[in-house]
Amino acid sequence: MRILIQRSKEASVQIDNNVVGAIEQGLVVLLGVGIDDEQEDADWLIQKIVGLRIFNDEEGKMNLSAQDVKASFLVISQFTLHASTKKGNRPSYIHAARPEKAIPLYEYFVNRLREVSKLKVETGKFGANMQVSLTNDGPVTIWIDSRNRT
């Protein structure tokens, strides 16, 4: 499972010109489910992002977690995080999970993030054509892959 997180001052996601999810200060989490991913990958990533100290303290140092600052999360499904660009100019997505596997893991991730963090979690809609807007704060953008734990 791969995530790209962006610390944001505000963010929203629209489908057909309708806002379906919006947050103020928090993290935009782009989530890509891979063919070999399981619930333990989601659990590991959730623990990581909830405790990740990437928010500024009173001295301006990145020393506070999402829980410390009562941040929100905007989780967006993003199979393109599993793109392979080794051959040619058209990305291959053979390592991205098919919807029958990806949807339950995406939903598990969102629900567990709500339970573990006790913070606001907004989403887009899996598989929809979405327009995501955000004001990246910092900018702070971090890539995490559950297969690279060591």
C-alpha atoms as a PDB file:
ATOM      1  CA  MET A   1       0.000   0.000   0.000  1.00  0.00           C
ATOM      2  CA  ARG A   2       1.368   3.372  -0.939  1.00  0.00           C
ATOM      3  CA  ILE A   3       0.410   6.793   0.304  1.00  0.00           C
ATOM      4  CA  LEU A   4       1.451  10.275  -0.639  1.00  0.00           C
ATOM      5  CA  ILE A   5       0.594  12.706   2.131  1.00  0.00           C
ATOM      6  CA  GLN A   6       0.529  16.464   1.877  1.00  0.00           C
ATOM      7  CA  ARG A   7       0.219  18.742   4.862  1.00  0.00           C
ATOM      8  CA  SER A   8      -2.466  21.235   3.974  1.00  0.00           C
ATOM      9  CA  LYS A   9      -4.028  24.418   5.270  1.00  0.00           C
ATOM     10  CA  GLU A  10      -7.244  23.457   3.487  1.00  0.00           C
ATOM     11  CA  ALA A  11      -8.317  20.858   0.954  1.00  0.00           C
ATOM     12  CA  SER A  12     -11.410  19.641  -0.841  1.00  0.00           C
ATOM     13  CA  VAL A  13     -12.506  17.087  -3.389  1.00  0.00           C
ATOM     14  CA  GLN A  14     -15.240  17.580  -5.976  1.00  0.00           C
ATOM     15  CA  ILE A  15     -17.169  15.156  -8.139  1.00  0.00           C
ATOM     16  CA  ASP A  16     -19.307  16.633 -10.933  1.00  0.00           C
ATOM     17  CA  ASN A  17     -18.757  20.138  -9.495  1.00  0.00           C
ATOM     18  CA  ASN A  18     -20.089  19.091  -6.073  1.00  0.00           C
ATOM     19  CA  VAL A  19     -17.838  19.180  -3.013  1.00  0.00           C
ATOM     20  CA  VAL A  20     -17.995  15.713  -1.449  1.00  0.00           C
ATOM     21  CA  GLY A  21     -15.225  16.161   1.121  1.00  0.00           C
ATOM     22  CA  ALA A  22     -13.404  19.115   2.654  1.00  0.00           C
ATOM     23  CA  ILE A  23     -10.993  19.762   5.516  1.00  0.00           C
ATOM     24  CA  GLU A  24      -9.145  22.665   7.038  1.00  0.00           C
ATOM     25  CA  GLN A  25      -5.724  22.072   8.613  1.00  0.00           C
ATOM     26  CA  GLY A  26      -4.676  18.486   8.109  1.00  0.00           C
ATOM     27  CA  LEU A  27      -3.325  15.869   5.763  1.00  0.00           C
ATOM     28  CA  VAL A  28      -4.398  14.967   2.265  1.00  0.00           C
ATOM     29  CA  VAL A  29      -3.751  11.243   1.916  1.00  0.00           C
ATOM     30  CA  LEU A  30      -3.555   9.845  -1.601  1.00  0.00           C
ATOM     31  CA  LEU A  31      -3.908   6.074  -1.164  1.00  0.00           C
ATOM     32  CA  GLY A  32      -2.906   3.416  -3.677  1.00  0.00           C
ATOM     33  CA  VAL A  33      -3.747  -0.212  -2.970  1.00  0.00           C
ATOM     34  CA  GLY A  34      -1.409  -2.777  -4.513  1.00  0.00           C
ATOM     35  CA  ILE A  35      -2.106  -6.356  -5.577  1.00  0.00           C
ATOM     36  CA  ASP A  36      -0.255  -7.834  -2.588  1.00  0.00           C
ATOM     37  CA  ASP A  37      -1.650  -5.486   0.065  1.00  0.00           C
ATOM     38  CA  GLU A  38      -3.548  -6.675   3.136  1.00  0.00           C
ATOM     39  CA  GLN A  39      -5.181  -5.093   6.189  1.00  0.00           C
ATOM     40  CA  GLU A  40      -1.863  -5.162   8.061  1.00  0.00           C
ATOM     41  CA  ASP A  41      -0.454  -2.738   5.457  1.00  0.00           C
ATOM     42  CA  ALA A  42      -3.305  -0.331   6.193  1.00  0.00           C
ATOM     43  CA  ASP A  43      -2.854  -0.727   9.949  1.00  0.00           C
ATOM     44  CA  TRP A  44       0.868   0.006   9.711  1.00  0.00           C
ATOM     45  CA  LEU A  45       0.319   3.091   7.538  1.00  0.00           C
ATOM     46  CA  ILE A  46      -2.398   4.418   9.834  1.00  0.00           C
ATOM     47  CA  GLN A  47      -0.150   4.157  12.886  1.00  0.00           C
ATOM     48  CA  LYS A  48       2.590   5.890  10.921  1.00  0.00           C
ATOM     49  CA  ILE A  49       0.557   8.855   9.673  1.00  0.00           C
ATOM     50  CA  VAL A  50      -1.382   9.444  12.888  1.00  0.00           C
ATOM     51  CA  GLY A  51       1.865   9.762  14.840  1.00  0.00           C
ATOM     52  CA  LEU A  52       4.022  11.359  12.145  1.00  0.00           C
ATOM     53  CA  ARG A  53       5.463  14.583  13.563  1.00  0.00           C
ATOM     54  CA  ILE A  54       5.143  16.933  10.601  1.00  0.00           C
ATOM     55  CA  PHE A  55       3.221  19.861  12.078  1.00  0.00           C
ATOM     56  CA  ASN A  56       5.035  22.883  13.462  1.00  0.00           C
ATOM     57  CA  ASP A  57       5.360  23.503  17.176  1.00  0.00           C
ATOM     58  CA  GLU A  58       5.496  26.975  18.740  1.00  0.00           C
ATOM     59  CA  GLU A  59       9.152  27.294  17.654  1.00  0.00           C
ATOM     60  CA  GLY A  60       8.361  26.460  14.030  1.00  0.00           C
ATOM     61  CA  LYS A  61       9.913  22.980  14.173  1.00  0.00           C
ATOM     62  CA  MET A  62       8.080  19.984  12.730  1.00  0.00           C
ATOM     63  CA  ASN A  63       7.545  18.317  16.069  1.00  0.00           C
ATOM     64  CA  LEU A  64       3.776  17.753  16.381  1.00  0.00           C
ATOM     65  CA  SER A  65       1.539  14.973  15.078  1.00  0.00           C
ATOM     66  CA  ALA A  66      -1.915  15.156  13.511  1.00  0.00           C
ATOM     67  CA  GLN A  67      -3.341  14.123  16.870  1.00  0.00           C
ATOM     68  CA  ASP A  68      -1.379  16.846  18.668  1.00  0.00           C
ATOM     69  CA  VAL A  69      -2.871  19.585  16.478  1.00  0.00           C
ATOM     70  CA  LYS A  70      -6.313  17.967  16.045  1.00  0.00           C
ATOM     71  CA  ALA A  71      -5.804  17.851  12.275  1.00  0.00           C
ATOM     72  CA  SER A  72      -8.243  16.372   9.770  1.00  0.00           C
ATOM     73  CA  PHE A  73      -7.660  13.862   6.981  1.00  0.00           C
ATOM     74  CA  LEU A  74      -8.857  13.874   3.379  1.00  0.00           C
ATOM     75  CA  VAL A  75      -8.342  10.380   1.935  1.00  0.00           C
ATOM     76  CA  ILE A  76      -8.434   9.974  -1.838  1.00  0.00           C
ATOM     77  CA  SER A  77      -8.097   6.668  -3.699  1.00  0.00           C
ATOM     78  CA  GLN A  78      -5.250   6.871  -6.213  1.00  0.00           C
ATOM     79  CA  PHE A  79      -4.346   3.703  -8.100  1.00  0.00           C
ATOM     80  CA  THR A  80      -1.804   5.659 -10.162  1.00  0.00           C
ATOM     81  CA  LEU A  81       0.581   5.561  -7.182  1.00  0.00           C
ATOM     82  CA  HIS A  82       1.359   2.035  -8.417  1.00  0.00           C
ATOM     83  CA  ALA A  83       2.290   3.189 -11.922  1.00  0.00           C
ATOM     84  CA  SER A  84       5.305   1.582 -13.519  1.00  0.00           C
ATOM     85  CA  THR A  85       7.106   3.791 -16.019  1.00  0.00           C
ATOM     86  CA  LYS A  86      10.055   1.499 -16.794  1.00  0.00           C
ATOM     87  CA  LYS A  87       9.008   0.759 -20.368  1.00  0.00           C
ATOM     88  CA  GLY A  88       7.719   3.190 -22.949  1.00  0.00           C
ATOM     89  CA  ASN A  89       5.768   6.341 -22.315  1.00  0.00           C
ATOM     90  CA  ARG A  90       2.462   4.879 -21.172  1.00  0.00           C
ATOM     91  CA  PRO A  91       2.418   3.912 -17.486  1.00  0.00           C
ATOM     92  CA  SER A  92       1.461   0.368 -16.558  1.00  0.00           C
ATOM     93  CA  TYR A  93      -0.817  -0.237 -13.583  1.00  0.00           C
ATOM     94  CA  ILE A  94      -0.425  -4.007 -13.290  1.00  0.00           C
ATOM     95  CA  HIS A  95       0.718  -3.664  -9.663  1.00  0.00           C
ATOM     96  CA  ALA A  96      -2.433  -1.787  -8.618  1.00  0.00           C
ATOM     97  CA  ALA A  97      -5.138  -3.924  -7.027  1.00  0.00           C
ATOM     98  CA  ARG A  98      -8.347  -4.550  -8.948  1.00  0.00           C
ATOM     99  CA  PRO A  99     -11.475  -2.886  -7.515  1.00  0.00           C
ATOM    100  CA  GLU A 100     -12.781  -6.095  -5.930  1.00  0.00           C
ATOM    101  CA  LYS A 101      -9.699  -6.102  -3.679  1.00  0.00           C
ATOM    102  CA  ALA A 102      -8.930  -2.380  -3.554  1.00  0.00           C
ATOM    103  CA  ILE A 103     -12.371  -1.114  -2.514  1.00  0.00           C
ATOM    104  CA  PRO A 104     -12.628  -3.181   0.697  1.00  0.00           C
ATOM    105  CA  LEU A 105      -9.047  -2.234   1.666  1.00  0.00           C
ATOM    106  CA  TYR A 106      -9.690   1.446   0.915  1.00  0.00           C
ATOM    107  CA  GLU A 107     -12.853   1.350   3.050  1.00  0.00           C
ATOM    108  CA  TYR A 108     -10.998  -0.505   5.797  1.00  0.00           C
ATOM    109  CA  PHE A 109      -8.261   2.151   5.743  1.00  0.00           C
ATOM    110  CA  VAL A 110     -10.774   5.001   6.040  1.00  0.00           C
ATOM    111  CA  ASN A 111     -12.777   3.361   8.822  1.00  0.00           C
ATOM    112  CA  ARG A 112      -9.702   2.332  10.828  1.00  0.00           C
ATOM    113  CA  LEU A 113      -8.205   5.823  10.423  1.00  0.00           C
ATOM    114  CA  ARG A 114     -11.388   7.267  11.961  1.00  0.00           C
ATOM    115  CA  GLU A 115     -11.288   4.749  14.823  1.00  0.00           C
ATOM    116  CA  VAL A 116      -7.581   5.066  15.588  1.00  0.00           C
ATOM    117  CA  SER A 117      -7.151   8.822  15.191  1.00  0.00           C
ATOM    118  CA  LYS A 118     -10.523   9.943  16.595  1.00  0.00           C
ATOM    119  CA  LEU A 119     -10.189  12.841  14.137  1.00  0.00           C
ATOM    120  CA  LYS A 120     -12.280  14.056  11.203  1.00  0.00           C
ATOM    121  CA  VAL A 121     -11.769  11.923   8.087  1.00  0.00           C
ATOM    122  CA  GLU A 122     -13.281  13.009   4.781  1.00  0.00           C
ATOM    123  CA  THR A 123     -13.091  11.127   1.480  1.00  0.00           C
ATOM    124  CA  GLY A 124     -13.731  11.265  -2.193  1.00  0.00           C
ATOM    125  CA  LYS A 125     -15.409   8.355  -4.000  1.00  0.00           C
ATOM    126  CA  PHE A 126     -13.433   5.311  -5.041  1.00  0.00           C
ATOM    127  CA  GLY A 127     -13.023   5.131  -8.811  1.00  0.00           C
ATOM    128  CA  ALA A 128     -14.692   8.462  -9.520  1.00  0.00           C
ATOM    129  CA  ASN A 129     -13.218  11.246 -11.621  1.00  0.00           C
ATOM    130  CA  MET A 130     -12.347  13.697  -8.850  1.00  0.00           C
ATOM    131  CA  GLN A 131     -10.898  17.175  -8.707  1.00  0.00           C
ATOM    132  CA  VAL A 132      -8.733  17.640  -5.623  1.00  0.00           C
ATOM    133  CA  SER A 133      -7.789  21.131  -4.465  1.00  0.00           C
ATOM    134  CA  LEU A 134      -5.427  21.923  -1.642  1.00  0.00           C
ATOM    135  CA  THR A 135      -3.159  24.535  -0.208  1.00  0.00           C
ATOM    136  CA  ASN A 136      -0.003  22.578   0.568  1.00  0.00           C
ATOM    137  CA  ASP A 137       1.413  23.926   3.828  1.00  0.00           C
ATOM    138  CA  GLY A 138       5.199  24.197   3.771  1.00  0.00           C
ATOM    139  CA  PRO A 139       5.156  22.586   1.266  1.00  0.00           C
ATOM    140  CA  VAL A 140       5.330  19.262   3.059  1.00  0.00           C
ATOM    141  CA  THR A 141       4.853  16.162   0.891  1.00  0.00           C
ATOM    142  CA  ILE A 142       5.862  12.682   2.051  1.00  0.00           C
ATOM    143  CA  TRP A 143       5.760   9.322   0.267  1.00  0.00           C
ATOM    144  CA  ILE A 144       5.330   6.132   2.341  1.00  0.00           C
ATOM    145  CA  ASP A 145       5.179   2.550   1.058  1.00  0.00           C
ATOM    146  CA  SER A 146       4.088  -0.178   3.482  1.00  0.00           C
ATOM    147  CA  ARG A 147       6.503  -2.579   1.751  1.00  0.00           C
ATOM    148  CA  ASN A 148       9.481  -0.424   2.820  1.00  0.00           C
ATOM    149  CA  ARG A 149       9.233  -0.797   6.591  1.00  0.00           C
ATOM    150  CA  THR A 150      12.852  -1.611   7.334  1.00  0.00           C
END
